[in-house]
Amino acid sequence: FGSSHFCSRRTPLAAQVHPSPESPLAHLSCCCCSGAAMGKNYYTVLGIDKNASQEDIKKAYRKSALKWHPDKNRERQEEASEKFREIAEAYDVLSDPEKKRIYDQFGEEGLKGGPRPEEAPPFNGPSGPSHGGFSYQFSGDPNDIFARFFKDSFQRSSSFAESPFEDVGGLFGGGMFPMGGMAMGPMGMGMNMGGGSSASGEHGRKRPAMFDLHCSLEDLYNGTTRKLKVKRTSTSLQRADEAVLEIAVKPGWKPGTKVTFQGEGDEFGNSGQAQDVVFVIREKRHPLYTREGSNLLHHRKIPLVDALTGFKFDLPHLEPDKTLRIAVNEIVTPTYTKVVKGKGMPSSKDPAEKGDLVVTFDIVYPKELPADSKERLKQVLPRF
């Protein structure tokens, strides 16, 4: 792990082979690199292909960093700490476009200011063909990278973005028909979604009526059933003007999951065919948690005294009537994170398999202290 061979010149055949970090192939040298410099393969460290996008790199870092976080591997702390650091270094390089470009061309040694392999093409920098003047050394704190990553994830609101189908009632007009905590307006889909009375046949069926189904994190953790009453128009089809559509939301479903009811919308003209109705799962904002894949993120403020002396706190969980008692015995620094294994979201494929809970902290400092308290702190706290 981390010592695999890196090649800056891959043959087309080699580029099609993407071994996982556990695969024996990940440790083989390719034929074009006889005598070339050896170095870490950051792509192998994260378990991704060289053509991975920035989003893929983020996902891979999240998965690998959580897997090897020292809090989750207390029985093998030394090994976990080393791999956690390697993962942080790989992410630090591959998430930075300039570092990534130099690394892709010259490998680890070229990135870190070592000699460039003779067969590697020159780096066309701003001052001409050279890669000199760039010397990278990973000196960051892997815990700092981890904490910043998940704090940023907690603050992002991409999962809660406005939907293009948000205003269902305004789009179709008419009254609302609440059922099971949801509401739907009558669906004038032939006019608004199906392209008018001429929208028929295969062309029309490719344009379903789409609606958002907003679910709380509790719904997506435990599963729930939603019933929605809809109105639809029919010309030649013999069916009721109203239909009740039942959606069984499964534990672990993610935002963007689609549920399709075939032929439950408006009829296309006099064709005998009706529009599909598609519901898209949307995640409501939660006051305590943000979801990041299968993990739950929680961010809280703590006073300085708790950060220095340790504390416990109770956190209501998404499971009904369950509260987590979380103990923090370590000194909480600005880069500290607490990982609680198995307390994240369930997998939709296997609800028994759950992600992790990642807790990050903001430390609140006192605005002022009495002079005698300052003197006592000077006597107690070490100086560095």
Foldseek 3Di string as FASTA:
>chain_A
DFQAFDDLDDDPVRLVDQDALVDPVRRDDDPVQVVHDGGGDLCNLLRHHLPDDLVRLLVSLVVQLQVLPLLVVVVCNVVSQVSLVSSLVSSVQCNDVVSSVQCSQANDQLQQQHDGPPPGFFDQDPVGGHSPPHHDDDPDDSLQSVQVSQVVLFPDCVLQDDDPQNCQCVQAPDDWDDDQNDIHGADPCLVRFQVHLVRDDPNSQVGAAEHEDEDELLCQQQKDKTKYKYAAAADQDPDDRIDIDMDTRFHADGFQDKDKDAQPHYHRNHHNGHYIYMYTYGYDDDPAWDDDRQETEGEEEDEQVCLAAWDWDWADASPPPDIDIDTDGHRADQSDKDKAAFRTTAHRVGRSGGGIYIYGYDYDYDPDDDPVVVVVCVVPDDDD
